[in-house]
Amino acid sequence: MTVRVRIAPSPTGNLHIGTARTAVFNWLFARHHGGQFILRIEDTDLERSRPEYTENIFQGLRWLGLNWDEGPFFQTQRLELYKEAVQTLFDKGLAYRCYTTSEELEALREAQKARNEAPRYDNRHRNLTPEQEAAYKAEGRSFVIRFKIEDEREIVWNDLVRGKMVWRGSDLGGDMVIARAAADGIGLPLYNFAVVVDDMDMQITHVIRGEDHIANTAKQILLYEAFGAKVPEFAHTPLILNQEGRKLSKRDGVTSIFDFKQMGFTAEGLANYMTLLGWSAPDSTQEIFTLEEAAKQFSFERVNKAGAKFDWAKLDWINSQYIHNMPVDKLTDLLIPVWEEAGYQFTGGRGDRPWLEQLVTLIGPSLTRLVHAVAISKLFFTETVEFSDEATAQLKQEGSSATLQGVIAALENHQLTEASAQEIIKQVVKEQNVKKGLVMKALRAGLTGDLHGPDLIQSWLLLNQIGLDKPRLLQAVELAS
């Protein structure tokens, strides 16, 4: 058997972290078994579906490295298939037209609520006579198409994550709506029906999705059986929870995949983290791996039943590992658009690739997220700097101004290199009979406007290459006067 799995998002919003994690698990399972990963767009919600959301889904999956083998397939292009499937159920006597109005359904729900009963349809139109149907049509009533569910029926399946699952037909809310009406009699299908028809047609062998679909699974198994089709295996993965233990939602702030991208997370880091949201490698100490490496080890035996809490600190740590181990040229490629978004100008030598790669080499080990490069590298993209209170105090200390003037004078006789920079510092220390620490602190304050930051000598070399070290030092001397 060839494993065939699918991810089937609705284009009613941007690609969500929960949907993306489900896609990751499907992709890992398919790759582990040498199977196919299929992309299907469930776009029958015509009012809320948008082409820009569809494109966002495509871009998000590609960005994460979740390449699909077949598709994308669109449900709105498969309506004839659904109509034929509905007709099959009509022919088998397993579906019927229900003319119950929304007012009648609301009255039914209110009566059940008053009796402390769970809401359910009472199947009142299951056995209408032709005369009764004709009377409803004459009233101008619209209808939906319902699938018959027997209350006494027991639905059992072995979930790959949760083990044996047992549901009763009486738990499923009465006969299920599977399609709306249309001018020709059969209109748009509803989720539980369309997904079964699609999965049968695409020969899906394993349905991997969040645990919030468990009740749907019971209904869908009944539909598979009604069509005489092979029932796929099911795996219901844990939900992603916030720190309070509730399902992660828009109220928690960031949920869209591209929100994470905007926050400076790398595709590799985020994908790695999502593999750990509910799954752990056989070597539980291993937490850094590519999708390909995770796929070799992936199995549902190591997927948790309990919800997976989203941990920002862990995501930051994983992301930092990818940044710190990334080749300089690749990290440079990622940081250039980040700097451009911040409005930094690549002028005066800053657009030279060797200079940029030197800058990336300098700041890379300090980055947790890509966007942190904006603040840490600001001093290299501005002509002047603002001096912090700490730096100002340092520059006004006795001897600071003189040491900086000594550095400026020495620069006239030196081609700045790492070695000559150290020589200049030694020369100033000796000539002015001051401690090296004073020279280093004054130099850092003058060049960067702060007493903290990346390596001083490397920063000095970078500023020198774009002609900013001497003007900065002169500015600092003026401040110190």
Protein backbone atom coordinates (compact mmCIF):
# COMPACT_ATOMS: atom_id res chain seq x y z
CA MET A 1 0.00 0.00 0.00
CA THR A 2 1.26 3.45 -0.93
CA VAL A 3 0.66 5.96 1.85
CA ARG A 4 -1.37 8.93 0.65
CA VAL A 5 -2.13 11.82 3.00
CA ARG A 6 -3.48 15.31 2.47
CA ILE A 7 -3.67 18.75 3.97
CA ALA A 8 -6.96 20.47 3.18
CA PRO A 9 -7.11 24.07 4.45
CA SER A 10 -9.99 26.45 3.84
CA PRO A 11 -8.97 29.76 2.23
CA THR A 12 -11.00 31.80 4.70
CA GLY A 13 -7.91 33.20 6.42
CA ASN A 14 -4.14 33.13 6.35
CA LEU A 15 -2.24 29.91 6.99
CA HIS A 16 -2.63 29.26 10.72
CA ILE A 17 0.02 27.73 12.98
CA GLY A 18 -2.38 24.85 13.81
CA THR A 19 -3.00 24.06 10.14
CA ALA A 20 0.72 24.33 9.42
CA ARG A 21 1.57 21.92 12.26
CA THR A 22 -0.98 19.47 10.86
CA ALA A 23 0.67 19.86 7.45
CA VAL A 24 4.05 19.13 9.04
CA PHE A 25 2.80 15.88 10.59
CA ASN A 26 1.20 14.80 7.31
CA TRP A 27 4.40 15.62 5.40
CA LEU A 28 6.60 13.78 7.90
CA PHE A 29 4.40 10.68 7.80
CA ALA A 30 4.28 10.65 4.00
CA ARG A 31 8.03 11.08 3.65
CA HIS A 32 8.74 8.45 6.32
CA HIS A 33 6.77 5.89 4.31
CA GLY A 34 7.80 7.06 0.85
CA GLY A 35 4.23 8.13 0.16
CA GLN A 36 2.44 11.15 -1.33
CA PHE A 37 1.49 14.44 0.32
CA ILE A 38 -1.52 16.04 -1.39
CA LEU A 39 -2.78 19.62 -1.19
CA ARG A 40 -6.52 20.26 -1.41
CA ILE A 41 -8.22 23.63 -1.01
CA GLU A 42 -11.66 23.36 0.62
CA ASP A 43 -13.19 26.50 -0.84
CA THR A 44 -16.91 25.78 -0.83
CA ASP A 45 -17.52 28.56 1.70
CA LEU A 46 -18.00 31.04 -1.12
CA GLU A 47 -18.72 34.04 1.11
CA ARG A 48 -15.51 33.80 3.16
CA SER A 49 -13.03 32.23 0.73
CA ARG A 50 -10.57 34.67 -0.83
CA PRO A 51 -7.88 34.17 -3.51
CA GLU A 52 -5.37 36.09 -1.40
CA TYR A 53 -5.81 33.54 1.40
CA THR A 54 -5.27 30.72 -1.08
CA GLU A 55 -2.03 32.33 -2.22
CA ASN A 56 -1.00 32.85 1.42
CA ILE A 57 -1.48 29.13 2.05
CA PHE A 58 0.65 28.22 -0.97
CA GLN A 59 3.41 30.63 0.00
CA GLY A 60 3.39 29.55 3.64
CA LEU A 61 3.71 25.85 2.85
CA ARG A 62 6.48 26.51 0.34
CA TRP A 63 8.32 28.79 2.79
CA LEU A 64 8.25 26.04 5.43
CA GLY A 65 9.60 23.50 2.91
CA LEU A 66 6.39 21.44 2.79
CA ASN A 67 6.41 20.67 -0.92
CA TRP A 68 3.34 18.74 -2.09
CA ASP A 69 3.26 15.88 -4.59
CA GLU A 70 -0.23 16.36 -6.05
CA GLY A 71 -2.58 19.32 -6.30
CA PRO A 72 -3.64 21.84 -5.46
CA PHE A 73 -7.17 20.54 -5.97
CA PHE A 74 -10.11 22.92 -5.44
CA GLN A 75 -13.48 21.71 -4.19
CA THR A 76 -15.34 24.33 -6.21
CA GLN A 77 -14.01 22.61 -9.33
CA ARG A 78 -15.39 19.23 -8.22
CA LEU A 79 -19.10 20.01 -7.75
CA GLU A 80 -20.30 17.44 -10.29
CA LEU A 81 -18.51 14.73 -8.34
CA TYR A 82 -20.35 15.73 -5.16
CA LYS A 83 -23.71 15.83 -6.92
CA GLU A 84 -23.17 12.32 -8.24
CA ALA A 85 -22.25 11.14 -4.76
CA VAL A 86 -25.40 12.70 -3.25
CA GLN A 87 -27.50 11.00 -5.92
CA THR A 88 -25.86 7.69 -5.01
CA LEU A 89 -27.08 8.08 -1.44
CA PHE A 90 -30.56 9.04 -2.68
CA ASP A 91 -30.60 5.89 -4.81
CA LYS A 92 -29.64 3.80 -1.80
CA GLY A 93 -32.37 5.37 0.35
CA LEU A 94 -29.77 6.84 2.71
CA ALA A 95 -30.43 10.54 2.02
CA TYR A 96 -33.52 12.72 1.90
CA ARG A 97 -34.71 16.31 1.49
CA CYS A 98 -35.44 18.14 4.72
CA TYR A 99 -37.76 21.17 4.53
CA THR A 100 -37.56 22.19 8.19
CA THR A 101 -37.34 25.97 8.42
CA SER A 102 -34.77 27.86 10.47
CA GLU A 103 -37.59 29.03 12.77
CA GLU A 104 -38.68 25.44 13.38
CA LEU A 105 -35.12 24.37 14.10
CA GLU A 106 -34.70 27.24 16.56
CA ALA A 107 -37.91 26.28 18.34
CA LEU A 108 -36.68 22.70 18.54
CA ARG A 109 -33.37 23.82 20.07
CA GLU A 110 -35.13 26.03 22.62
CA ALA A 111 -37.40 23.19 23.68
CA GLN A 112 -34.41 20.84 24.07
CA LYS A 113 -32.56 23.48 26.04
CA ALA A 114 -35.52 23.88 28.39
CA ARG A 115 -35.40 20.12 29.02
CA ASN A 116 -31.59 20.23 29.55
CA GLU A 117 -31.09 18.06 26.47
CA ALA A 118 -28.23 18.28 24.00
CA PRO A 119 -29.28 19.98 20.75
CA ARG A 120 -30.08 17.56 17.94
CA TYR A 121 -32.28 17.34 14.88
CA ASP A 122 -35.27 15.08 15.51
CA ASN A 123 -35.29 13.59 11.99
CA ARG A 124 -38.86 14.83 11.48
CA HIS A 125 -38.64 14.87 7.67
CA ARG A 126 -36.88 11.53 7.25
CA ASN A 127 -39.96 9.72 5.99
CA LEU A 128 -42.00 12.35 4.18
CA THR A 129 -44.59 11.08 1.72
CA PRO A 130 -44.56 12.42 -1.85
CA GLU A 131 -47.69 14.39 -0.97
CA GLN A 132 -46.02 16.01 2.06
CA GLU A 133 -42.99 16.96 -0.02
CA ALA A 134 -45.22 18.45 -2.68
CA ALA A 135 -47.03 20.51 -0.04
CA TYR A 136 -43.76 21.91 1.34
CA LYS A 137 -42.61 22.77 -2.17
CA ALA A 138 -45.89 24.51 -2.82
CA GLU A 139 -45.26 26.64 0.26
CA GLY A 140 -41.99 27.75 -1.37
CA ARG A 141 -39.84 26.12 1.30
CA SER A 142 -36.18 25.51 0.51
CA PHE A 143 -34.52 22.32 1.63
CA VAL A 144 -31.25 20.76 2.68
CA ILE A 145 -30.18 17.21 2.02
CA ARG A 146 -29.65 15.02 5.06
CA PHE A 147 -27.90 11.68 5.53
CA LYS A 148 -29.60 9.12 7.77
CA ILE A 149 -27.82 8.26 11.03
CA GLU A 150 -29.26 5.48 13.17
CA ASP A 151 -29.16 6.30 16.88
CA GLU A 152 -28.40 2.73 17.92
CA ARG A 153 -25.41 2.44 15.59
CA GLU A 154 -21.98 2.05 17.23
CA ILE A 155 -18.98 3.55 15.40
CA VAL A 156 -15.58 2.16 16.33
CA TRP A 157 -12.11 2.89 14.99
CA ASN A 158 -8.52 2.48 16.14
CA ASP A 159 -6.99 5.93 16.25
CA LEU A 160 -3.23 5.93 15.59
CA VAL A 161 -2.73 8.45 18.41
CA ARG A 162 -5.59 7.76 20.83
CA GLY A 163 -6.24 4.05 20.46
CA LYS A 164 -9.74 2.58 20.39
CA MET A 165 -12.46 5.18 19.87
CA VAL A 166 -16.17 4.39 20.31
CA TRP A 167 -19.10 6.63 19.40
CA ARG A 168 -22.82 6.02 19.20
CA GLY A 169 -25.08 7.33 16.47
CA SER A 170 -27.20 8.99 19.16
CA ASP A 171 -24.20 11.23 20.00
CA LEU A 172 -24.03 12.79 16.53
CA GLY A 173 -26.94 15.24 16.63
CA GLY A 174 -29.45 13.49 14.40
CA ASP A 175 -29.46 13.07 10.65
CA MET A 176 -26.57 15.05 9.14
CA VAL A 177 -26.89 17.81 6.55
CA ILE A 178 -24.64 16.89 3.62
CA ALA A 179 -25.64 19.44 0.95
CA ARG A 180 -27.70 22.53 0.33
CA ALA A 181 -30.38 23.01 -2.26
CA ALA A 182 -29.80 24.52 -5.72
CA ALA A 183 -31.84 25.29 -8.82
CA ASP A 184 -31.12 21.80 -10.16
CA GLY A 185 -31.82 20.16 -6.81
CA ILE A 186 -28.35 19.52 -5.36
CA GLY A 187 -26.18 22.44 -4.31
CA LEU A 188 -22.91 22.99 -2.47
CA PRO A 189 -21.82 20.11 -0.24
CA LEU A 190 -21.06 20.58 3.44
CA TYR A 191 -17.69 19.77 4.97
CA ASN A 192 -18.29 16.27 6.32
CA PHE A 193 -19.69 15.07 3.01
CA ALA A 194 -17.25 16.75 0.63
CA VAL A 195 -14.21 15.61 2.60
CA VAL A 196 -15.28 11.98 2.39
CA VAL A 197 -15.98 12.14 -1.34
CA ASP A 198 -12.62 13.84 -1.91
CA ASP A 199 -10.69 11.38 0.24
CA MET A 200 -12.30 8.44 -1.54
CA ASP A 201 -11.58 9.91 -4.97
CA MET A 202 -7.96 10.76 -4.04
CA GLN A 203 -7.43 7.36 -2.40
CA ILE A 204 -6.33 8.86 0.89
CA THR A 205 -5.02 6.11 3.15
CA HIS A 206 -4.44 8.10 6.36
CA VAL A 207 -6.32 11.14 7.65
CA ILE A 208 -4.10 13.11 10.03
CA ARG A 209 -5.73 16.12 11.70
CA GLY A 210 -6.42 17.84 15.01
CA GLU A 211 -8.40 16.25 17.82
CA ASP A 212 -11.20 18.79 17.32
CA HIS A 213 -12.25 16.64 14.33
CA ILE A 214 -12.96 13.48 16.36
CA ALA A 215 -16.76 13.90 16.26
CA ASN A 216 -16.53 14.50 12.50
CA THR A 217 -14.65 11.23 12.13
CA ALA A 218 -17.57 9.24 13.51
CA LYS A 219 -19.92 10.86 10.98
CA GLN A 220 -17.48 10.39 8.13
CA ILE A 221 -16.98 6.69 8.83
CA LEU A 222 -20.72 6.23 8.39
CA LEU A 223 -20.48 7.92 4.99
CA TYR A 224 -17.54 5.76 3.89
CA GLU A 225 -19.55 2.69 4.79
CA ALA A 226 -22.63 4.02 2.98
CA PHE A 227 -20.55 4.30 -0.20
CA GLY A 228 -19.04 0.86 0.34
CA ALA A 229 -15.57 2.45 0.43
CA LYS A 230 -12.47 1.48 2.37
CA VAL A 231 -12.23 3.57 5.54
CA PRO A 232 -8.83 5.28 5.91
CA GLU A 233 -6.87 5.15 9.12
CA PHE A 234 -7.23 8.17 11.39
CA ALA A 235 -4.76 9.98 13.61
CA HIS A 236 -6.01 12.84 15.76
CA THR A 237 -3.15 15.01 16.93
CA PRO A 238 -3.14 17.20 20.06
CA LEU A 239 -4.24 20.80 19.79
CA ILE A 240 -1.79 23.65 20.22
CA LEU A 241 -2.54 25.41 23.50
CA ASN A 242 -1.65 28.81 24.93
CA GLN A 243 0.04 29.21 28.31
CA GLU A 244 -3.37 29.09 30.05
CA GLY A 245 -4.09 25.70 28.51
CA ARG A 246 -6.71 26.95 26.03
CA LYS A 247 -6.62 26.39 22.28
CA LEU A 248 -4.25 28.87 20.66
CA SER A 249 -6.32 31.50 18.86
CA LYS A 250 -6.13 34.98 17.38
CA ARG A 251 -6.73 36.36 20.85
CA ASP A 252 -3.24 35.15 21.73
CA GLY A 253 -1.76 37.48 19.12
CA VAL A 254 0.40 35.78 16.54
CA THR A 255 -1.13 32.73 14.86
CA SER A 256 -0.50 33.21 11.13
CA ILE A 257 2.63 31.61 9.70
CA PHE A 258 3.63 34.88 8.04
CA ASP A 259 3.26 36.67 11.36
CA PHE A 260 6.04 34.43 12.61
CA LYS A 261 8.09 35.25 9.52
CA GLN A 262 7.58 38.98 10.14
CA MET A 263 8.75 38.48 13.73
CA GLY A 264 12.07 37.19 12.42
CA PHE A 265 11.75 33.44 12.74
CA THR A 266 13.45 31.33 10.10
CA ALA A 267 11.48 28.76 8.11
CA GLU A 268 13.79 25.99 9.34
CA GLY A 269 13.52 27.05 12.97
CA LEU A 270 9.74 27.32 12.91
CA ALA A 271 9.30 24.02 11.07
CA ASN A 272 11.65 22.34 13.56
CA TYR A 273 9.68 23.76 16.48
CA MET A 274 6.36 22.62 15.01
CA THR A 275 7.60 19.01 14.82
CA LEU A 276 8.01 19.20 18.60
CA LEU A 277 4.47 20.48 19.21
CA GLY A 278 3.09 17.09 20.18
CA TRP A 279 5.89 14.78 18.98
CA SER A 280 9.33 13.86 20.28
CA ALA A 281 12.19 12.00 18.64
CA PRO A 282 13.15 8.51 19.88
CA ASP A 283 16.19 10.18 21.42
CA SER A 284 14.18 12.60 23.54
CA THR A 285 17.24 14.80 24.06
CA GLN A 286 17.44 15.62 20.36
CA GLU A 287 15.58 18.81 19.55
CA ILE A 288 17.37 20.23 16.51
CA PHE A 289 16.69 18.51 13.21
CA THR A 290 15.60 19.30 9.69
CA LEU A 291 12.26 18.12 8.36
CA GLU A 292 14.07 15.43 6.38
CA GLU A 293 15.86 14.21 9.51
CA ALA A 294 12.61 14.22 11.51
CA ALA A 295 10.80 12.28 8.77
CA LYS A 296 13.23 9.36 9.14
CA GLN A 297 12.22 9.01 12.80
CA PHE A 298 8.57 10.04 12.71
CA SER A 299 5.87 7.71 14.04
CA PHE A 300 2.57 8.18 15.83
CA GLU A 301 3.78 6.10 18.77
CA ARG A 302 5.64 9.23 19.89
CA VAL A 303 2.79 11.69 19.34
CA ASN A 304 1.25 12.85 22.62
CA LYS A 305 -2.43 12.71 23.45
CA ALA A 306 -2.24 15.80 25.66
CA GLY A 307 -2.37 19.28 24.18
CA ALA A 308 0.93 20.89 23.22
CA LYS A 309 1.61 24.20 24.97
CA PHE A 310 3.17 26.87 22.80
CA ASP A 311 6.50 27.89 24.33
CA TRP A 312 7.95 31.14 22.98
CA ALA A 313 11.24 30.71 24.83
CA LYS A 314 11.83 27.32 23.24
CA LEU A 315 10.95 28.62 19.79
CA ASP A 316 13.42 31.46 20.28
CA TRP A 317 16.14 29.03 21.34
CA ILE A 318 15.57 26.69 18.38
CA ASN A 319 15.50 29.64 16.00
CA SER A 320 18.76 30.98 17.42
CA GLN A 321 20.44 27.62 16.79
CA TYR A 322 19.60 27.83 13.10
CA ILE A 323 20.77 31.43 12.85
CA HIS A 324 24.05 30.74 14.66
CA ASN A 325 24.84 27.74 12.46
CA MET A 326 23.70 29.24 9.17
CA PRO A 327 26.28 29.91 6.44
CA VAL A 328 27.14 33.61 6.30
CA ASP A 329 26.01 34.01 2.69
CA LYS A 330 22.58 32.54 3.43
CA LEU A 331 22.12 34.60 6.59
CA THR A 332 23.12 37.70 4.63
CA ASP A 333 20.44 36.92 2.05
CA LEU A 334 17.86 36.68 4.84
CA LEU A 335 18.95 39.87 6.58
CA ILE A 336 19.06 42.15 3.53
CA PRO A 337 15.22 42.31 3.21
CA VAL A 338 14.95 42.77 7.00
CA TRP A 339 17.24 45.81 6.78
CA GLU A 340 15.39 47.10 3.72
CA GLU A 341 12.08 46.79 5.57
CA ALA A 342 13.61 48.89 8.37
CA GLY A 343 14.47 51.59 5.83
CA TYR A 344 18.23 51.15 5.97
CA GLN A 345 20.07 52.49 2.92
CA PHE A 346 22.80 50.47 1.25
CA THR A 347 25.00 53.44 0.33
CA GLY A 348 28.59 54.46 0.93
CA GLY A 349 30.02 50.96 0.69
CA ARG A 350 27.23 49.31 2.65
CA GLY A 351 25.95 47.69 -0.52
CA ASP A 352 29.22 45.81 -1.05
CA ARG A 353 28.62 42.12 -0.46
CA PRO A 354 31.96 41.52 1.35
CA TRP A 355 31.18 44.37 3.79
CA LEU A 356 27.69 43.02 4.43
CA GLU A 357 29.01 39.53 5.07
CA GLN A 358 31.57 40.92 7.52
CA LEU A 359 28.71 42.67 9.32
CA VAL A 360 26.68 39.47 9.39
CA THR A 361 29.66 37.54 10.74
CA LEU A 362 29.94 40.13 13.52
CA ILE A 363 26.30 40.26 14.62
CA GLY A 364 25.09 36.74 13.72
CA PRO A 365 26.12 35.09 17.02
CA SER A 366 24.07 37.69 18.93
CA LEU A 367 20.81 37.13 17.03
CA THR A 368 17.84 35.15 18.30
CA ARG A 369 15.48 36.39 15.59
CA LEU A 370 16.34 37.93 12.25
CA VAL A 371 14.62 41.21 13.15
CA HIS A 372 16.99 41.70 16.06
CA ALA A 373 19.57 42.65 13.42
CA VAL A 374 17.75 45.96 12.95
CA ALA A 375 18.63 47.29 16.40
CA ILE A 376 22.04 45.70 16.78
CA SER A 377 23.28 46.92 13.38
CA LYS A 378 21.68 50.37 13.42
CA LEU A 379 25.00 52.03 14.23
CA PHE A 380 26.39 50.77 10.90
CA PHE A 381 23.56 52.23 8.82
CA THR A 382 23.42 55.75 10.26
CA GLU A 383 25.88 58.53 9.61
CA THR A 384 25.90 59.66 13.24
CA VAL A 385 24.96 58.01 16.50
CA GLU A 386 22.98 59.07 19.52
CA PHE A 387 25.06 58.74 22.67
CA SER A 388 23.49 56.91 25.59
CA ASP A 389 23.70 58.46 29.05
CA GLU A 390 26.30 55.84 29.95
CA ALA A 391 28.40 56.63 26.87
CA THR A 392 28.11 60.39 27.48
CA ALA A 393 29.29 59.96 31.06
CA GLN A 394 32.22 57.88 29.84
CA LEU A 395 33.23 60.48 27.25
CA LYS A 396 33.18 63.23 29.87
CA GLN A 397 35.54 61.31 32.13
CA GLU A 398 38.99 62.81 32.52
CA GLY A 399 41.31 61.53 29.82
CA SER A 400 38.63 60.23 27.43
CA SER A 401 38.77 63.20 25.05
CA ALA A 402 42.56 63.11 24.92
CA THR A 403 42.66 59.39 24.19
CA LEU A 404 40.20 59.79 21.31
CA GLN A 405 42.27 62.64 19.88
CA GLY A 406 45.29 60.36 20.12
CA VAL A 407 43.41 57.65 18.19
CA ILE A 408 42.39 60.18 15.51
CA ALA A 409 45.96 61.31 15.11
CA ALA A 410 47.25 57.74 14.90
CA LEU A 411 44.72 56.93 12.16
CA GLU A 412 46.55 59.38 9.89
CA ASN A 413 49.57 57.06 9.85
CA HIS A 414 47.87 53.66 9.76
CA GLN A 415 45.93 51.59 7.21
CA LEU A 416 43.41 50.13 9.61
CA THR A 417 43.53 46.37 10.05
CA GLU A 418 42.84 44.21 13.06
CA ALA A 419 46.55 44.25 13.89
CA SER A 420 47.00 47.99 13.36
CA ALA A 421 43.89 48.74 15.45
CA GLN A 422 45.48 46.89 18.37
CA GLU A 423 48.75 48.76 17.72
CA ILE A 424 46.98 52.14 17.81
CA ILE A 425 45.40 51.28 21.16
CA LYS A 426 48.77 50.24 22.59
CA GLN A 427 50.36 53.42 21.25
CA VAL A 428 47.73 55.69 22.86
CA VAL A 429 47.96 53.83 26.17
CA LYS A 430 51.72 54.31 26.22
CA GLU A 431 51.79 57.91 25.00
CA GLN A 432 49.14 59.14 27.41
CA ASN A 433 50.04 56.86 30.28
CA VAL A 434 46.46 55.67 30.78
CA LYS A 435 44.92 52.27 31.35
CA LYS A 436 43.86 50.26 28.32
CA GLY A 437 40.34 50.00 29.74
CA LEU A 438 39.89 53.76 29.50
CA VAL A 439 40.93 53.78 25.85
CA MET A 440 38.68 50.85 24.99
CA LYS A 441 35.62 52.32 26.74
CA ALA A 442 36.16 55.77 25.22
CA LEU A 443 36.66 54.24 21.80
CA ARG A 444 33.49 52.12 22.06
CA ALA A 445 31.46 55.09 23.32
CA GLY A 446 32.76 57.30 20.53
CA LEU A 447 32.28 54.79 17.70
CA THR A 448 28.99 53.21 18.73
CA GLY A 449 27.31 55.67 21.11
CA ASP A 450 27.06 52.99 23.79
CA LEU A 451 29.20 50.93 26.14
CA HIS A 452 27.67 47.63 25.08
CA GLY A 453 27.48 45.95 21.70
CA PRO A 454 29.31 43.72 19.24
CA ASP A 455 33.07 43.18 19.22
CA LEU A 456 34.76 46.60 19.31
CA ILE A 457 37.68 45.99 16.96
CA GLN A 458 35.51 44.36 14.29
CA SER A 459 32.97 47.18 14.62
CA TRP A 460 35.76 49.72 14.21
CA LEU A 461 37.03 47.97 11.07
CA LEU A 462 33.55 47.96 9.52
CA LEU A 463 33.00 51.65 10.30
CA ASN A 464 36.43 52.47 8.91
CA GLN A 465 35.65 50.75 5.61
CA ILE A 466 32.68 53.05 5.06
CA GLY A 467 34.51 56.14 6.33
CA LEU A 468 32.52 56.64 9.53
CA ASP A 469 35.07 56.01 12.26
CA LYS A 470 36.92 59.32 12.16
CA PRO A 471 33.74 61.48 11.91
CA ARG A 472 32.25 59.57 14.85
CA LEU A 473 35.35 60.09 16.96
CA LEU A 474 35.40 63.80 16.14
CA GLN A 475 31.74 64.00 17.14
CA ALA A 476 32.61 62.28 20.43
CA VAL A 477 35.50 64.65 21.13
CA GLU A 478 33.17 67.60 20.61
CA LEU A 479 30.66 66.09 23.04
CA ALA A 480 33.38 65.47 25.61
CA SER A 481 34.66 69.07 25.45
